[in-house]
Amino acid sequence: MLGAAKVVPLHFRGWGHFSEGADVLRAEFEAAGLAGRLVLLEPGERTDV
């Protein structure tokens, strides 16, 4: 939809009002054939995109 080469979701961990976590994100990206675009970081982790 966005055409982004990489997607780095933020603020989905530790907030009680979010019902979907990393497992759901990973599964949805895999189902859409976009698993290679998803970058899931641990809090404080860095990456280059």
PDB file of N, CA and C in Angstrom:
ATOM      1  N   MET A   1       0.818  -1.189   0.000  1.00  0.00           N
ATOM      2  CA  MET A   1       0.000   0.000   0.000  1.00  0.00           C
ATOM      3  C   MET A   1       0.869   1.264   0.000  1.00  0.00           C
ATOM      4  N   LEU A   2       1.886   1.280   0.845  1.00  0.00           N
ATOM      5  CA  LEU A   2       2.771   2.439   0.913  1.00  0.00           C
ATOM      6  C   LEU A   2       3.915   2.364  -0.077  1.00  0.00           C
ATOM      7  N   GLY A   3       4.228   1.154  -0.509  1.00  0.00           N
ATOM      8  CA  GLY A   3       5.364   0.984  -1.407  1.00  0.00           C
ATOM      9  C   GLY A   3       6.696   1.113  -0.694  1.00  0.00           C
ATOM     10  N   ALA A   4       6.686   1.035   0.630  1.00  0.00           N
ATOM     11  CA  ALA A   4       7.918   1.184   1.410  1.00  0.00           C
ATOM     12  C   ALA A   4       8.781  -0.064   1.279  1.00  0.00           C
ATOM     13  N   ALA A   5      10.086   0.141   1.190  1.00  0.00           N
ATOM     14  CA  ALA A   5      11.012  -0.981   1.124  1.00  0.00           C
ATOM     15  C   ALA A   5      11.112  -1.686   2.469  1.00  0.00           C
ATOM     16  N   LYS A   6      11.006  -0.928   3.558  1.00  0.00           N
ATOM     17  CA  LYS A   6      11.054  -1.468   4.920  1.00  0.00           C
ATOM     18  C   LYS A   6       9.966  -0.799   5.749  1.00  0.00           C
ATOM     19  N   VAL A   7       9.389  -1.574   6.665  1.00  0.00           N
ATOM     20  CA  VAL A   7       8.379  -1.063   7.585  1.00  0.00           C
ATOM     21  C   VAL A   7       8.861  -1.383   8.995  1.00  0.00           C
ATOM     22  N   VAL A   8       8.991  -0.348   9.822  1.00  0.00           N
ATOM     23  CA  VAL A   8       9.458  -0.500  11.193  1.00  0.00           C
ATOM     24  C   VAL A   8       8.343  -0.033  12.128  1.00  0.00           C
ATOM     25  N   PRO A   9       7.485  -0.954  12.590  1.00  0.00           N
ATOM     26  CA  PRO A   9       6.413  -0.555  13.491  1.00  0.00           C
ATOM     27  C   PRO A   9       6.969  -0.148  14.858  1.00  0.00           C
ATOM     28  N   LEU A  10       6.424   0.902  15.410  1.00  0.00           N
ATOM     29  CA  LEU A  10       6.849   1.402  16.719  1.00  0.00           C
ATOM     30  C   LEU A  10       5.643   1.513  17.642  1.00  0.00           C
ATOM     31  N   HIS A  11       5.914   1.516  18.924  1.00  0.00           N
ATOM     32  CA  HIS A  11       4.892   1.758  19.952  1.00  0.00           C
ATOM     33  C   HIS A  11       3.772   0.724  19.949  1.00  0.00           C
ATOM     34  N   PHE A  12       4.063  -0.511  19.611  1.00  0.00           N
ATOM     35  CA  PHE A  12       3.033  -1.545  19.661  1.00  0.00           C
ATOM     36  C   PHE A  12       3.247  -2.476  20.850  1.00  0.00           C
ATOM     37  N   ARG A  13       4.335  -2.299  21.575  1.00  0.00           N
ATOM     38  CA  ARG A  13       4.619  -3.120  22.754  1.00  0.00           C
ATOM     39  C   ARG A  13       4.369  -2.313  24.025  1.00  0.00           C
ATOM     40  N   GLY A  14       3.773  -2.973  24.997  1.00  0.00           N
ATOM     41  CA  GLY A  14       3.668  -2.379  26.317  1.00  0.00           C
ATOM     42  C   GLY A  14       2.550  -1.377  26.508  1.00  0.00           C
ATOM     43  N   TRP A  15       1.766  -1.127  25.499  1.00  0.00           N
ATOM     44  CA  TRP A  15       0.637  -0.217  25.642  1.00  0.00           C
ATOM     45  C   TRP A  15      -0.621  -1.068  25.713  1.00  0.00           C
ATOM     46  N   GLY A  16      -1.356  -0.982  26.807  1.00  0.00           N
ATOM     47  CA  GLY A  16      -2.501  -1.843  27.042  1.00  0.00           C
ATOM     48  C   GLY A  16      -3.606  -1.769  26.007  1.00  0.00           C
ATOM     49  N   HIS A  17      -3.738  -0.653  25.311  1.00  0.00           N
ATOM     50  CA  HIS A  17      -4.829  -0.519  24.346  1.00  0.00           C
ATOM     51  C   HIS A  17      -4.534  -1.182  23.006  1.00  0.00           C
ATOM     52  N   PHE A  18      -3.315  -1.654  22.792  1.00  0.00           N
ATOM     53  CA  PHE A  18      -3.011  -2.396  21.572  1.00  0.00           C
ATOM     54  C   PHE A  18      -3.239  -3.875  21.825  1.00  0.00           C
ATOM     55  N   SER A  19      -4.041  -4.512  20.996  1.00  0.00           N
ATOM     56  CA  SER A  19      -4.356  -5.922  21.186  1.00  0.00           C
ATOM     57  C   SER A  19      -3.532  -6.834  20.286  1.00  0.00           C
ATOM     58  N   GLU A  20      -2.757  -6.272  19.383  1.00  0.00           N
ATOM     59  CA  GLU A  20      -1.960  -7.072  18.457  1.00  0.00           C
ATOM     60  C   GLU A  20      -0.485  -6.796  18.701  1.00  0.00           C
ATOM     61  N   GLY A  21       0.281  -7.860  18.809  1.00  0.00           N
ATOM     62  CA  GLY A  21       1.707  -7.717  19.051  1.00  0.00           C
ATOM     63  C   GLY A  21       2.539  -8.141  17.859  1.00  0.00           C
ATOM     64  N   ALA A  22       3.800  -8.411  18.131  1.00  0.00           N
ATOM     65  CA  ALA A  22       4.754  -8.760  17.080  1.00  0.00           C
ATOM     66  C   ALA A  22       4.338 -10.017  16.321  1.00  0.00           C
ATOM     67  N   ASP A  23       3.773 -11.003  17.020  1.00  0.00           N
ATOM     68  CA  ASP A  23       3.369 -12.243  16.345  1.00  0.00           C
ATOM     69  C   ASP A  23       2.302 -11.983  15.292  1.00  0.00           C
ATOM     70  N   VAL A  24       1.341 -11.121  15.616  1.00  0.00           N
ATOM     71  CA  VAL A  24       0.277 -10.796  14.663  1.00  0.00           C
ATOM     72  C   VAL A  24       0.844 -10.011  13.489  1.00  0.00           C
ATOM     73  N   LEU A  25       1.698  -9.041  13.774  1.00  0.00           N
ATOM     74  CA  LEU A  25       2.323  -8.268  12.693  1.00  0.00           C
ATOM     75  C   LEU A  25       3.096  -9.188  11.753  1.00  0.00           C
ATOM     76  N   ARG A  26       3.909 -10.055  12.329  1.00  0.00           N
ATOM     77  CA  ARG A  26       4.714 -10.979  11.528  1.00  0.00           C
ATOM     78  C   ARG A  26       3.817 -11.865  10.651  1.00  0.00           C
ATOM     79  N   ALA A  27       2.768 -12.416  11.239  1.00  0.00           N
ATOM     80  CA  ALA A  27       1.866 -13.298  10.491  1.00  0.00           C
ATOM     81  C   ALA A  27       1.166 -12.560   9.355  1.00  0.00           C
ATOM     82  N   GLU A  28       0.727 -11.344   9.605  1.00  0.00           N
ATOM     83  CA  GLU A  28       0.039 -10.566   8.566  1.00  0.00           C
ATOM     84  C   GLU A  28       0.977 -10.208   7.419  1.00  0.00           C
ATOM     85  N   PHE A  29       2.208  -9.829   7.736  1.00  0.00           N
ATOM     86  CA  PHE A  29       3.172  -9.511   6.684  1.00  0.00           C
ATOM     87  C   PHE A  29       3.524 -10.766   5.881  1.00  0.00           C
ATOM     88  N   GLU A  30       3.663 -11.895   6.560  1.00  0.00           N
ATOM     89  CA  GLU A  30       3.936 -13.156   5.859  1.00  0.00           C
ATOM     90  C   GLU A  30       2.779 -13.523   4.940  1.00  0.00           C
ATOM     91  N   ALA A  31       1.548 -13.401   5.436  1.00  0.00           N
ATOM     92  CA  ALA A  31       0.364 -13.733   4.633  1.00  0.00           C
ATOM     93  C   ALA A  31       0.264 -12.855   3.393  1.00  0.00           C
ATOM     94  N   ALA A  32       0.733 -11.618   3.502  1.00  0.00           N
ATOM     95  CA  ALA A  32       0.678 -10.694   2.373  1.00  0.00           C
ATOM     96  C   ALA A  32       1.899 -10.815   1.458  1.00  0.00           C
ATOM     97  N   GLY A  33       2.814 -11.726   1.801  1.00  0.00           N
ATOM     98  CA  GLY A  33       4.028 -11.885   0.989  1.00  0.00           C
ATOM     99  C   GLY A  33       5.017 -10.753   1.174  1.00  0.00           C
ATOM    100  N   LEU A  34       4.956 -10.090   2.325  1.00  0.00           N
ATOM    101  CA  LEU A  34       5.804  -8.922   2.575  1.00  0.00           C
ATOM    102  C   LEU A  34       6.734  -9.104   3.768  1.00  0.00           C
ATOM    103  N   ALA A  35       6.983 -10.334   4.173  1.00  0.00           N
ATOM    104  CA  ALA A  35       7.782 -10.603   5.368  1.00  0.00           C
ATOM    105  C   ALA A  35       9.170  -9.959   5.287  1.00  0.00           C
ATOM    106  N   GLY A  36       9.727  -9.873   4.107  1.00  0.00           N
ATOM    107  CA  GLY A  36      11.053  -9.290   3.939  1.00  0.00           C
ATOM    108  C   GLY A  36      11.113  -7.789   4.178  1.00  0.00           C
ATOM    109  N   ARG A  37       9.970  -7.146   4.236  1.00  0.00           N
ATOM    110  CA  ARG A  37       9.929  -5.696   4.459  1.00  0.00           C
ATOM    111  C   ARG A  37       9.776  -5.333   5.932  1.00  0.00           C
ATOM    112  N   LEU A  38       9.337  -6.285   6.734  1.00  0.00           N
ATOM    113  CA  LEU A  38       9.053  -6.013   8.138  1.00  0.00           C
ATOM    114  C   LEU A  38      10.327  -6.053   8.964  1.00  0.00           C
ATOM    115  N   VAL A  39      10.551  -4.998   9.735  1.00  0.00           N
ATOM    116  CA  VAL A  39      11.691  -4.919  10.643  1.00  0.00           C
ATOM    117  C   VAL A  39      11.137  -4.704  12.043  1.00  0.00           C
ATOM    118  N   LEU A  40      11.218  -5.756  12.872  1.00  0.00           N
ATOM    119  CA  LEU A  40      10.735  -5.666  14.249  1.00  0.00           C
ATOM    120  C   LEU A  40      11.940  -5.480  15.160  1.00  0.00           C
ATOM    121  N   LEU A  41      11.951  -4.374  15.855  1.00  0.00           N
ATOM    122  CA  LEU A  41      13.059  -4.053  16.749  1.00  0.00           C
ATOM    123  C   LEU A  41      12.644  -4.242  18.197  1.00  0.00           C
ATOM    124  N   GLU A  42      13.602  -4.625  19.012  1.00  0.00           N
ATOM    125  CA  GLU A  42      13.408  -4.652  20.454  1.00  0.00           C
ATOM    126  C   GLU A  42      13.608  -3.229  20.979  1.00  0.00           C
ATOM    127  N   PRO A  43      12.984  -2.890  22.096  1.00  0.00           N
ATOM    128  CA  PRO A  43      13.173  -1.545  22.648  1.00  0.00           C
ATOM    129  C   PRO A  43      14.661  -1.214  22.802  1.00  0.00           C
ATOM    130  N   GLY A  44      15.065  -0.079  22.269  1.00  0.00           N
ATOM    131  CA  GLY A  44      16.447   0.377  22.323  1.00  0.00           C
ATOM    132  C   GLY A  44      17.325  -0.132  21.195  1.00  0.00           C
ATOM    133  N   GLU A  45      16.847  -1.076  20.414  1.00  0.00           N
ATOM    134  CA  GLU A  45      17.617  -1.630  19.299  1.00  0.00           C
ATOM    135  C   GLU A  45      17.630  -0.642  18.142  1.00  0.00           C
ATOM    136  N   ARG A  46      18.740  -0.631  17.397  1.00  0.00           N
ATOM    137  CA  ARG A  46      18.894   0.252  16.249  1.00  0.00           C
ATOM    138  C   ARG A  46      19.052  -0.567  14.976  1.00  0.00           C
ATOM    139  N   THR A  47      18.721   0.071  13.862  1.00  0.00           N
ATOM    140  CA  THR A  47      18.941  -0.556  12.561  1.00  0.00           C
ATOM    141  C   THR A  47      19.083   0.532  11.509  1.00  0.00           C
ATOM    142  N   ASP A  48      19.643   0.180  10.385  1.00  0.00           N
ATOM    143  CA  ASP A  48      19.701   1.065   9.225  1.00  0.00           C
ATOM    144  C   ASP A  48      18.629   0.614   8.249  1.00  0.00           C
ATOM    145  N   VAL A  49      17.874   1.568   7.740  1.00  0.00           N
ATOM    146  CA  VAL A  49      16.864   1.253   6.729  1.00  0.00           C
ATOM    147  C   VAL A  49      17.097   2.084   5.495  1.00  0.00           C
TER     148      VAL A  49
END
